[in-house]
Amino acid sequence: MIKIIGLGPGSPEALTIGAAKLLEKGENIYFRTKHHPIVNFLKDKIKNYETFDKYYENSENTDDINEKIANEILTAHKKTKDVVYGVPGNPLTAEKTVAILIKICKEKKIDYKVIPAVSFIDSLMETLKIDPIEGLMVIDASDINNQILDKRVATIIAQVYNKSVASKLKEKLLDSYNKQTEIYLIKNPGIDEAEIIRKIPVYELDKQEDLDNMTFIYVPKDKDNKKDFYDLVNLVETLRGENGCPWDREQTHQSIKNELIEETYELIEAIEENRIDGMIEELGDVLFHVVFHACIENENGNFNITDVINGIIAKMVYRHPHVFGEKEINNTDEVLKSWDELKKQEKKYETITEEMKSIAKTLPALTKAHKVQKKAAKVGFDWDSIEETSKKVIEELNEVLDVYKTKNGEKIKKEIGDLLFSCVNLSRKLNVNEEEALNMTINKFINRFSFVEEMALKNNKKLNDMTLEEMDKFWEIAKENEKNKK
């Protein structure tokens, strides 16, 4: 049998009588770490024992450490049948090695017994005078990257046993807390002669020199610290609430849909200009609208922001079977092909026409044209060469020239549409994004026109009084200046 014993927080008075007897009389005794007061207290009463501190000294991957320790205990059990394994605190509280052991014992039908003890949480609550009813989260520092910190509740973090672990913990804390936020470092809680408590700012966490297996971090509840997603949801709900803003309460999906488009374009502009502060601001504006629209439907009882998040996560998992499933994909082309196939199955499209009609009607026309052509090209409805595509552009241009003299507005519009569509096709075949290309030309035009206007002012002239030939001279100078800058 494997007997898993809790050593308590460290004070001999906190060690149960049953645990003490097992440790004094038992054989094949293992302690997770020698850095626990009870191990030192019992060293004269126990003939032989082993610890696993060598793993902590030679490895930074705590998952590997926990697996190795559990496997050593299981190996010892195979040899001797009876093994005693002592761990700090309560075996069932934040002890990964114990969780792994119990799981394997259940799977392999190995007899085990847990001898509980006072947990370090009890000692910490006594030391810090905190009441868990107000909200308390307990985390293993080794698992910090899989946790979501919540500033609305107090947090106890165990296993901060070296600077490497402390450094990773600091990085995680700084995602949710300001660097000056004061936290508590506690060592040996509940042991009067050895207990240490000191307050430190988050940014100094990995500068502490006395970290070991009996080191804990306590982060007090601080709802006014860095704002997070839930603060944004609460803000929107407040704005639309009874005592909120009259304007925000009046808004509907229809009334603010154009603002969402505008904010999205402002975000794209910030991305294209690589303005980091702009991206932060504009992403925030877009996110605000997402939450706002979800809030409207939450009020209507249809869905909330959690449903939105669940929906997109489910979609991404479904469309990435090569990441979340067992499908093998070797390159980006295969990823895109798989994505299209899964989307087709998901939307139950049976024809290419259905796919074309599913493209958002409100997309910019150039982008929509590109997407339509791309879907047609999937089944071979496409020119084979750039030369053939170029001929189509010339053909459509000639048709515009033929029809413009008729003064028939509808015919002219039709032929201009055909010309633009063929230009998008050429752009697509050349792997050029038509929106980016046109925007580049627009910006170039603005810059050159600005130069023309500046030159006119320098020559004491007004554009309205100048001939096209005079303005074109300045235009050509602007073009020449651009060439010289390259």
Protein backbone atom coordinates (compact mmCIF):
# COMPACT_ATOMS: atom_id res chain seq x y z
CA MET A 1 0.00 0.00 0.00
CA ILE A 2 1.09 3.55 -0.66
CA LYS A 3 0.43 5.74 2.37
CA ILE A 4 0.37 9.41 1.53
CA ILE A 5 0.93 11.52 4.62
CA GLY A 6 0.34 15.21 5.14
CA LEU A 7 3.12 16.85 7.14
CA GLY A 8 1.07 19.93 7.91
CA PRO A 9 2.37 23.48 7.53
CA GLY A 10 5.52 22.75 9.54
CA SER A 11 4.77 23.08 13.22
CA PRO A 12 5.18 19.78 15.14
CA GLU A 13 1.97 20.60 17.03
CA ALA A 14 0.06 20.54 13.75
CA LEU A 15 1.25 17.02 12.81
CA THR A 16 -1.47 14.47 13.53
CA ILE A 17 -0.74 11.62 15.95
CA GLY A 18 -1.52 9.04 13.28
CA ALA A 19 0.89 10.62 10.83
CA ALA A 20 3.64 10.84 13.45
CA LYS A 21 3.29 7.11 14.33
CA LEU A 22 3.38 6.04 10.70
CA LEU A 23 6.51 8.07 10.07
CA GLU A 24 8.29 6.80 13.21
CA LYS A 25 7.44 3.13 12.61
CA GLY A 26 7.27 3.04 8.84
CA GLU A 27 9.84 1.86 6.35
CA ASN A 28 10.56 2.98 2.80
CA ILE A 29 9.84 6.60 3.68
CA TYR A 30 10.01 9.33 1.06
CA PHE A 31 9.56 13.08 1.51
CA ARG A 32 8.88 15.36 -1.42
CA THR A 33 11.37 17.82 0.04
CA LYS A 34 13.78 18.00 2.97
CA HIS A 35 13.06 21.73 3.21
CA HIS A 36 10.21 21.25 5.65
CA PRO A 37 10.48 21.65 9.43
CA ILE A 38 8.83 18.30 10.14
CA VAL A 39 11.56 16.45 8.23
CA ASN A 40 14.17 18.10 10.41
CA PHE A 41 12.05 17.45 13.51
CA LEU A 42 11.82 13.70 12.73
CA LYS A 43 15.32 13.07 11.43
CA ASP A 44 16.52 11.52 14.71
CA LYS A 45 13.45 9.27 14.93
CA ILE A 46 13.49 7.96 11.38
CA LYS A 47 16.31 5.63 10.41
CA ASN A 48 16.22 6.00 6.64
CA TYR A 49 14.36 8.21 4.23
CA GLU A 50 14.81 9.76 0.82
CA THR A 51 13.83 13.15 -0.61
CA PHE A 52 13.39 14.48 -4.15
CA ASP A 53 15.12 17.82 -3.86
CA LYS A 54 17.61 16.77 -6.54
CA TYR A 55 14.89 17.23 -9.14
CA TYR A 56 14.10 20.77 -8.01
CA GLU A 57 17.79 21.66 -8.14
CA ASN A 58 18.36 20.33 -11.66
CA SER A 59 15.13 21.09 -13.48
CA GLU A 60 12.85 24.07 -14.08
CA ASN A 61 9.98 22.09 -15.57
CA THR A 62 7.74 21.31 -12.61
CA ASP A 63 5.47 19.05 -14.67
CA ASP A 64 8.45 16.82 -15.37
CA ILE A 65 9.47 16.95 -11.70
CA ASN A 66 6.01 15.89 -10.51
CA GLU A 67 5.91 13.01 -13.01
CA LYS A 68 9.40 11.79 -11.97
CA ILE A 69 8.54 11.88 -8.27
CA ALA A 70 5.28 10.00 -8.77
CA ASN A 71 7.04 7.37 -10.90
CA GLU A 72 9.76 6.88 -8.25
CA ILE A 73 7.11 6.26 -5.60
CA LEU A 74 5.41 3.73 -7.89
CA THR A 75 8.74 2.01 -8.62
CA ALA A 76 9.46 1.77 -4.89
CA HIS A 77 6.01 0.28 -4.32
CA LYS A 78 6.69 -2.45 -6.91
CA LYS A 79 9.82 -3.45 -5.02
CA THR A 80 8.59 -3.25 -1.43
CA LYS A 81 4.76 -3.07 -1.62
CA ASP A 82 4.58 -0.69 1.36
CA VAL A 83 5.69 2.92 0.84
CA VAL A 84 5.20 6.06 2.94
CA TYR A 85 5.20 9.36 1.06
CA GLY A 86 5.18 12.58 3.07
CA VAL A 87 4.28 15.95 1.57
CA PRO A 88 3.97 19.46 3.03
CA GLY A 89 0.54 20.59 4.19
CA ASN A 90 -2.49 18.48 3.29
CA PRO A 91 -1.86 15.88 0.55
CA LEU A 92 -5.11 16.81 -1.16
CA THR A 93 -4.40 20.53 -1.28
CA ALA A 94 -2.25 21.85 -4.15
CA GLU A 95 -0.03 18.74 -4.30
CA LYS A 96 0.46 17.77 -7.95
CA THR A 97 2.57 14.70 -7.18
CA VAL A 98 -0.23 13.34 -5.00
CA ALA A 99 -2.85 14.04 -7.68
CA ILE A 100 -0.73 12.11 -10.22
CA LEU A 101 -0.16 9.24 -7.78
CA ILE A 102 -3.84 8.86 -6.92
CA LYS A 103 -4.82 8.93 -10.60
CA ILE A 104 -2.37 6.12 -11.44
CA CYS A 105 -3.32 4.12 -8.36
CA LYS A 106 -6.97 4.22 -9.39
CA GLU A 107 -6.14 3.22 -12.96
CA LYS A 108 -3.87 0.33 -11.90
CA LYS A 109 -5.95 -0.64 -8.86
CA ILE A 110 -3.07 0.00 -6.44
CA ASP A 111 -4.11 0.33 -2.80
CA TYR A 112 -3.42 3.72 -1.27
CA LYS A 113 -4.41 5.69 1.79
CA VAL A 114 -4.33 9.42 2.41
CA ILE A 115 -3.57 10.66 5.92
CA PRO A 116 -4.72 14.30 5.92
CA ALA A 117 -3.26 17.18 7.88
CA VAL A 118 -3.68 20.88 8.42
CA SER A 119 -3.05 22.52 5.03
CA PHE A 120 -0.81 25.48 4.40
CA ILE A 121 -3.97 27.35 3.38
CA ASP A 122 -5.27 27.12 6.94
CA SER A 123 -2.00 28.47 8.29
CA LEU A 124 -1.87 31.24 5.71
CA MET A 125 -5.43 32.32 6.46
CA GLU A 126 -4.54 32.46 10.15
CA THR A 127 -1.31 34.34 9.49
CA LEU A 128 -2.88 36.84 7.11
CA LYS A 129 -6.22 37.06 8.94
CA ILE A 130 -8.26 36.48 5.78
CA ASP A 131 -11.73 35.00 5.38
CA PRO A 132 -12.16 32.82 2.26
CA ILE A 133 -15.87 33.65 2.11
CA GLU A 134 -14.81 36.97 0.56
CA GLY A 135 -13.22 35.08 -2.34
CA LEU A 136 -9.96 33.15 -2.37
CA MET A 137 -8.11 31.47 -5.22
CA VAL A 138 -5.27 29.00 -4.62
CA ILE A 139 -2.76 28.38 -7.43
CA ASP A 140 0.36 26.29 -7.90
CA ALA A 141 3.08 28.56 -9.32
CA SER A 142 4.18 25.75 -11.62
CA ASP A 143 0.77 25.88 -13.30
CA ILE A 144 0.57 29.68 -13.50
CA ASN A 145 0.46 29.85 -17.31
CA ASN A 146 -2.72 27.78 -17.33
CA GLN A 147 -4.45 30.02 -14.79
CA ILE A 148 -6.47 33.22 -15.17
CA LEU A 149 -5.79 35.65 -12.35
CA ASP A 150 -8.77 37.55 -10.99
CA LYS A 151 -8.09 40.79 -9.15
CA ARG A 152 -11.59 40.59 -7.65
CA VAL A 153 -10.55 37.83 -5.26
CA ALA A 154 -7.48 37.27 -3.11
CA THR A 155 -4.95 34.78 -4.45
CA ILE A 156 -2.53 32.42 -2.69
CA ILE A 157 0.27 31.06 -4.87
CA ALA A 158 2.26 28.05 -3.68
CA GLN A 159 5.52 26.42 -4.83
CA VAL A 160 7.43 29.65 -5.50
CA TYR A 161 10.64 27.77 -4.80
CA ASN A 162 13.26 29.57 -6.93
CA LYS A 163 13.95 32.71 -8.96
CA SER A 164 13.04 31.09 -12.26
CA VAL A 165 9.55 30.22 -11.00
CA ALA A 166 9.28 33.68 -9.39
CA SER A 167 10.23 35.36 -12.67
CA LYS A 168 7.50 33.54 -14.62
CA LEU A 169 5.02 34.34 -11.87
CA LYS A 170 5.99 38.01 -11.97
CA GLU A 171 5.37 38.16 -15.72
CA LYS A 172 1.93 36.63 -15.22
CA LEU A 173 1.07 39.00 -12.37
CA LEU A 174 2.09 42.02 -14.45
CA ASP A 175 -0.59 41.06 -16.99
CA SER A 176 -3.23 41.82 -14.37
CA TYR A 177 -1.56 44.07 -11.80
CA ASN A 178 0.51 47.25 -11.86
CA LYS A 179 4.21 46.72 -11.17
CA GLN A 180 3.98 48.75 -7.94
CA THR A 181 1.14 46.62 -6.55
CA GLU A 182 2.11 45.36 -3.10
CA ILE A 183 1.98 41.61 -2.51
CA TYR A 184 3.06 39.48 0.45
CA LEU A 185 5.86 36.94 0.54
CA ILE A 186 5.30 34.37 3.29
CA LYS A 187 7.74 31.67 4.38
CA ASN A 188 6.99 28.84 6.81
CA PRO A 189 3.45 29.96 7.70
CA GLY A 190 2.24 28.76 11.10
CA ILE A 191 5.73 28.12 12.47
CA ASP A 192 6.29 30.81 15.07
CA GLU A 193 10.08 30.73 15.19
CA ALA A 194 10.53 30.47 11.42
CA GLU A 195 7.61 32.39 9.95
CA ILE A 196 8.53 35.33 7.69
CA ILE A 197 6.11 37.84 6.20
CA ARG A 198 7.16 40.80 4.12
CA LYS A 199 5.44 43.14 1.73
CA ILE A 200 7.07 43.67 -1.67
CA PRO A 201 6.04 45.27 -4.99
CA VAL A 202 5.31 42.85 -7.83
CA TYR A 203 8.34 43.94 -9.86
CA GLU A 204 10.73 42.81 -7.07
CA LEU A 205 9.33 39.29 -6.78
CA ASP A 206 12.15 37.57 -8.67
CA LYS A 207 14.80 39.55 -6.79
CA GLN A 208 14.16 37.75 -3.49
CA GLU A 209 17.11 35.66 -2.26
CA ASP A 210 15.38 33.30 0.18
CA LEU A 211 12.90 31.45 -2.03
CA ASP A 212 12.34 27.76 -1.28
CA ASN A 213 9.65 25.06 -1.14
CA MET A 214 8.02 26.75 1.84
CA THR A 215 7.57 30.11 0.09
CA PHE A 216 4.10 31.41 -0.72
CA ILE A 217 2.84 34.58 -2.36
CA TYR A 218 -0.37 36.29 -1.30
CA VAL A 219 -2.00 38.80 -3.65
CA PRO A 220 -4.78 40.76 -1.93
CA LYS A 221 -8.08 41.48 -3.66
CA ASP A 222 -7.75 44.73 -5.60
CA LYS A 223 -10.67 45.36 -7.95
CA ASP A 224 -9.35 48.83 -8.80
CA ASN A 225 -6.10 47.53 -10.30
CA LYS A 226 -5.51 47.13 -14.06
CA LYS A 227 -8.80 47.04 -15.94
CA ASP A 228 -9.74 43.80 -17.67
CA PHE A 229 -12.40 42.41 -19.99
CA TYR A 230 -14.99 42.07 -17.23
CA ASP A 231 -14.53 45.72 -16.29
CA LEU A 232 -15.40 46.60 -19.90
CA VAL A 233 -18.54 44.43 -19.85
CA ASN A 234 -19.55 46.03 -16.54
CA LEU A 235 -18.90 49.50 -17.99
CA VAL A 236 -21.17 48.90 -20.98
CA GLU A 237 -23.89 47.44 -18.75
CA THR A 238 -23.62 50.51 -16.52
CA LEU A 239 -23.83 52.90 -19.48
CA ARG A 240 -26.99 51.16 -20.68
CA GLY A 241 -28.39 50.72 -17.17
CA GLU A 242 -31.11 52.65 -15.39
CA ASN A 243 -28.68 55.25 -14.04
CA GLY A 244 -26.45 55.25 -17.11
CA CYS A 245 -26.16 57.49 -20.15
CA PRO A 246 -29.39 58.45 -22.02
CA TRP A 247 -27.60 58.31 -25.39
CA ASP A 248 -26.12 54.84 -24.77
CA ARG A 249 -29.49 53.52 -23.59
CA GLU A 250 -31.15 54.65 -26.82
CA GLN A 251 -28.73 52.93 -29.19
CA THR A 252 -29.66 49.88 -31.27
CA HIS A 253 -27.73 47.61 -33.64
CA GLN A 254 -28.93 49.71 -36.55
CA SER A 255 -28.09 53.08 -35.02
CA ILE A 256 -24.42 52.28 -34.34
CA LYS A 257 -23.56 49.84 -37.13
CA ASN A 258 -21.86 52.53 -39.21
CA GLU A 259 -19.72 53.57 -36.24
CA LEU A 260 -18.42 49.98 -36.07
CA ILE A 261 -17.43 50.17 -39.74
CA GLU A 262 -15.70 53.49 -39.12
CA GLU A 263 -13.81 52.17 -36.09
CA THR A 264 -12.72 49.11 -38.09
CA TYR A 265 -11.30 51.28 -40.86
CA GLU A 266 -9.48 53.41 -38.29
CA LEU A 267 -7.96 50.22 -36.88
CA ILE A 268 -6.84 49.11 -40.35
CA GLU A 269 -5.25 52.52 -40.89
CA ALA A 270 -3.34 52.25 -37.61
CA ILE A 271 -2.14 48.77 -38.62
CA GLU A 272 -1.01 49.93 -42.05
CA GLU A 273 0.85 52.86 -40.50
CA ASN A 274 2.27 50.59 -37.77
CA ARG A 275 1.12 52.99 -35.03
CA ILE A 276 1.25 50.88 -31.88
CA ASP A 277 -0.60 53.38 -29.68
CA GLY A 278 -3.15 53.77 -32.46
CA MET A 279 -3.66 50.02 -32.64
CA ILE A 280 -4.25 49.86 -28.88
CA GLU A 281 -6.82 52.65 -29.09
CA GLU A 282 -8.62 51.41 -32.19
CA LEU A 283 -8.69 47.77 -31.08
CA GLY A 284 -10.30 49.08 -27.91
CA ASP A 285 -12.92 50.97 -29.92
CA VAL A 286 -13.76 47.87 -31.98
CA LEU A 287 -13.89 45.71 -28.82
CA PHE A 288 -16.21 48.25 -27.19
CA HIS A 289 -18.64 47.87 -30.08
CA VAL A 290 -18.50 44.05 -29.89
CA VAL A 291 -19.35 44.15 -26.19
CA PHE A 292 -22.00 46.84 -26.78
CA HIS A 293 -23.85 44.78 -29.42
CA ALA A 294 -23.68 41.68 -27.18
CA CYS A 295 -25.04 43.74 -24.27
CA ILE A 296 -28.06 44.81 -26.36
CA GLU A 297 -28.93 41.17 -27.06
CA ASN A 298 -28.31 40.18 -23.45
CA GLU A 299 -30.98 42.71 -22.50
CA ASN A 300 -33.27 41.15 -25.13
CA GLY A 301 -32.63 37.70 -23.65
CA ASN A 302 -31.16 36.26 -26.85
CA PHE A 303 -27.44 35.85 -26.08
CA ASN A 304 -24.57 37.42 -24.15
CA ILE A 305 -20.85 38.01 -24.63
CA THR A 306 -20.05 34.53 -23.26
CA ASP A 307 -22.12 32.99 -26.06
CA VAL A 308 -20.15 35.07 -28.56
CA ILE A 309 -16.85 33.86 -27.12
CA ASN A 310 -18.00 30.24 -26.97
CA GLY A 311 -19.13 30.46 -30.58
CA ILE A 312 -15.84 31.73 -31.98
CA ILE A 313 -13.79 29.26 -29.92
CA ALA A 314 -15.92 26.33 -31.10
CA LYS A 315 -15.57 27.52 -34.71
CA MET A 316 -11.78 27.91 -34.49
CA VAL A 317 -11.34 24.51 -32.86
CA TYR A 318 -13.55 22.88 -35.52
CA ARG A 319 -11.68 24.55 -38.38
CA HIS A 320 -8.23 23.66 -37.01
CA PRO A 321 -8.34 19.84 -36.78
CA HIS A 322 -4.60 19.79 -37.47
CA VAL A 323 -4.07 21.64 -34.17
CA PHE A 324 -6.89 20.36 -31.95
CA GLY A 325 -7.51 17.02 -33.63
CA GLU A 326 -5.59 14.27 -35.38
CA LYS A 327 -5.63 15.53 -38.97
CA GLU A 328 -2.18 15.94 -40.52
CA ILE A 329 -1.52 19.08 -42.57
CA ASN A 330 1.91 19.92 -43.97
CA ASN A 331 1.69 23.46 -45.35
CA THR A 332 -0.35 26.66 -45.58
CA ASP A 333 -2.06 25.66 -48.85
CA GLU A 334 -3.39 22.51 -47.22
CA VAL A 335 -4.57 24.59 -44.24
CA LEU A 336 -6.57 26.91 -46.52
CA LYS A 337 -8.03 24.00 -48.46
CA SER A 338 -9.06 22.28 -45.23
CA TRP A 339 -10.57 25.52 -43.93
CA ASP A 340 -12.71 25.92 -47.07
CA GLU A 341 -13.87 22.31 -46.94
CA LEU A 342 -14.85 22.54 -43.27
CA LYS A 343 -16.60 25.87 -43.80
CA LYS A 344 -18.53 24.36 -46.71
CA GLN A 345 -19.64 21.44 -44.52
CA GLU A 346 -20.47 23.75 -41.63
CA LYS A 347 -22.58 26.10 -43.75
CA LYS A 348 -24.00 23.19 -45.79
CA TYR A 349 -23.10 24.76 -49.13
CA GLU A 350 -23.85 22.53 -52.10
CA THR A 351 -22.83 24.86 -54.94
CA ILE A 352 -20.18 27.48 -55.65
CA THR A 353 -23.01 29.95 -56.29
CA GLU A 354 -24.21 29.46 -52.72
CA GLU A 355 -20.70 30.22 -51.50
CA MET A 356 -20.58 33.38 -53.64
CA LYS A 357 -23.94 34.57 -52.37
CA SER A 358 -22.80 34.03 -48.77
CA ILE A 359 -20.09 36.71 -49.13
CA ALA A 360 -21.08 39.73 -47.04
CA LYS A 361 -23.06 42.19 -49.13
CA THR A 362 -21.59 45.14 -47.22
CA LEU A 363 -17.98 44.35 -48.11
CA PRO A 364 -16.11 46.96 -50.18
CA ALA A 365 -16.82 46.15 -53.84
CA LEU A 366 -13.17 45.52 -54.77
CA THR A 367 -12.75 43.03 -51.92
CA LYS A 368 -16.04 41.34 -52.75
CA ALA A 369 -15.02 41.03 -56.42
CA HIS A 370 -11.74 39.39 -55.38
CA LYS A 371 -13.56 36.85 -53.19
CA VAL A 372 -16.10 35.99 -55.91
CA GLN A 373 -13.32 35.48 -58.49
CA LYS A 374 -11.33 33.35 -56.07
CA LYS A 375 -14.28 31.01 -55.53
CA ALA A 376 -14.81 30.71 -59.30
CA ALA A 377 -11.10 29.98 -59.75
CA LYS A 378 -11.36 27.01 -57.35
CA VAL A 379 -13.23 25.07 -60.05
CA GLY A 380 -11.05 26.30 -62.93
CA PHE A 381 -13.20 29.21 -64.10
CA ASP A 382 -10.21 31.51 -64.51
CA TRP A 383 -7.73 32.72 -67.11
CA ASP A 384 -4.60 30.59 -67.31
CA SER A 385 -2.14 33.41 -67.85
CA ILE A 386 -1.47 37.06 -67.04
CA GLU A 387 -1.52 37.80 -70.77
CA GLU A 388 -5.08 36.51 -71.17
CA THR A 389 -6.19 38.42 -68.08
CA SER A 390 -4.55 41.60 -69.39
CA LYS A 391 -6.33 41.23 -72.75
CA LYS A 392 -9.64 41.14 -70.88
CA VAL A 393 -8.77 44.45 -69.16
CA ILE A 394 -8.02 46.05 -72.55
CA GLU A 395 -11.20 44.60 -74.01
CA GLU A 396 -13.29 46.06 -71.18
CA LEU A 397 -11.51 49.44 -71.49
CA ASN A 398 -12.36 49.56 -75.21
CA GLU A 399 -15.98 48.81 -74.42
CA VAL A 400 -16.02 51.78 -72.04
CA LEU A 401 -14.55 53.97 -74.79
CA ASP A 402 -17.17 52.70 -77.23
CA VAL A 403 -20.11 53.42 -74.93
CA TYR A 404 -19.17 56.71 -73.23
CA LYS A 405 -20.19 58.79 -76.27
CA THR A 406 -23.76 57.42 -76.07
CA LYS A 407 -24.38 59.43 -72.92
CA ASN A 408 -26.34 56.36 -71.67
CA GLY A 409 -25.57 56.44 -67.93
CA GLU A 410 -26.66 52.87 -67.19
CA LYS A 411 -24.58 51.41 -70.03
CA ILE A 412 -21.55 53.45 -69.02
CA LYS A 413 -21.91 52.32 -65.39
CA LYS A 414 -22.18 48.69 -66.52
CA GLU A 415 -19.04 48.89 -68.65
CA ILE A 416 -17.10 50.74 -65.92
CA GLY A 417 -18.12 47.93 -63.54
CA ASP A 418 -16.85 45.33 -66.02
CA LEU A 419 -13.56 47.22 -66.35
CA LEU A 420 -13.08 47.44 -62.59
CA PHE A 421 -13.95 43.75 -62.20
CA SER A 422 -11.34 42.79 -64.81
CA CYS A 423 -8.75 45.03 -63.10
CA VAL A 424 -9.41 43.23 -59.80
CA ASN A 425 -8.94 39.93 -61.65
CA LEU A 426 -5.56 41.10 -62.98
CA SER A 427 -4.55 42.27 -59.52
CA ARG A 428 -5.54 38.91 -58.05
CA LYS A 429 -3.55 37.00 -60.68
CA LEU A 430 -0.52 39.16 -59.87
CA ASN A 431 -0.97 38.46 -56.12
CA VAL A 432 -1.52 42.15 -55.42
CA ASN A 433 -4.15 43.22 -52.90
CA GLU A 434 -6.37 45.56 -54.90
CA GLU A 435 -7.48 47.58 -51.85
CA GLU A 436 -3.88 48.16 -50.77
CA ALA A 437 -2.82 49.03 -54.31
CA LEU A 438 -5.62 51.56 -54.76
CA ASN A 439 -5.01 53.09 -51.33
CA MET A 440 -1.33 53.41 -52.18
CA THR A 441 -2.23 55.32 -55.35
CA ILE A 442 -4.70 57.52 -53.47
CA ASN A 443 -2.03 58.44 -50.93
CA LYS A 444 0.45 59.07 -53.73
CA PHE A 445 -2.07 61.34 -55.46
CA ILE A 446 -2.69 63.31 -52.24
CA ASN A 447 1.05 63.78 -51.63
CA ARG A 448 1.64 64.99 -55.19
CA PHE A 449 -1.37 67.29 -55.10
CA SER A 450 -0.13 68.69 -51.80
CA PHE A 451 3.17 69.51 -53.50
CA VAL A 452 1.34 71.23 -56.38
CA GLU A 453 -0.62 73.33 -53.88
CA GLU A 454 2.53 74.25 -51.94
CA MET A 455 4.32 75.32 -55.13
CA ALA A 456 1.34 77.43 -56.17
CA LEU A 457 1.43 79.25 -52.83
CA LYS A 458 5.17 79.82 -53.12
CA ASN A 459 4.56 81.40 -56.53
CA ASN A 460 1.74 83.57 -55.16
CA LYS A 461 -0.83 81.75 -57.27
CA LYS A 462 -4.23 80.20 -56.55
CA LEU A 463 -5.06 76.82 -58.00
CA ASN A 464 -8.33 78.18 -59.39
CA ASP A 465 -6.39 80.71 -61.45
CA MET A 466 -3.88 78.22 -62.84
CA THR A 467 -4.20 76.21 -66.07
CA LEU A 468 -3.96 72.41 -66.07
CA GLU A 469 -0.64 72.72 -67.92
CA GLU A 470 0.79 74.94 -65.15
CA MET A 471 -0.35 72.56 -62.42
CA ASP A 472 0.94 69.56 -64.39
CA LYS A 473 4.46 71.05 -64.41
CA PHE A 474 4.47 71.02 -60.61
CA TRP A 475 2.98 67.52 -60.72
CA GLU A 476 5.89 66.26 -62.81
CA ILE A 477 8.35 67.85 -60.39
CA ALA A 478 6.61 65.98 -57.54
CA LYS A 479 7.01 62.72 -59.48
CA GLU A 480 10.68 63.42 -60.08
CA ASN A 481 11.22 64.16 -56.40
CA GLU A 482 9.69 60.78 -55.55
CA LYS A 483 12.13 59.02 -57.88
CA ASN A 484 15.08 60.82 -56.31
CA LYS A 485 14.02 59.70 -52.81
CA LYS A 486 14.06 56.03 -53.82
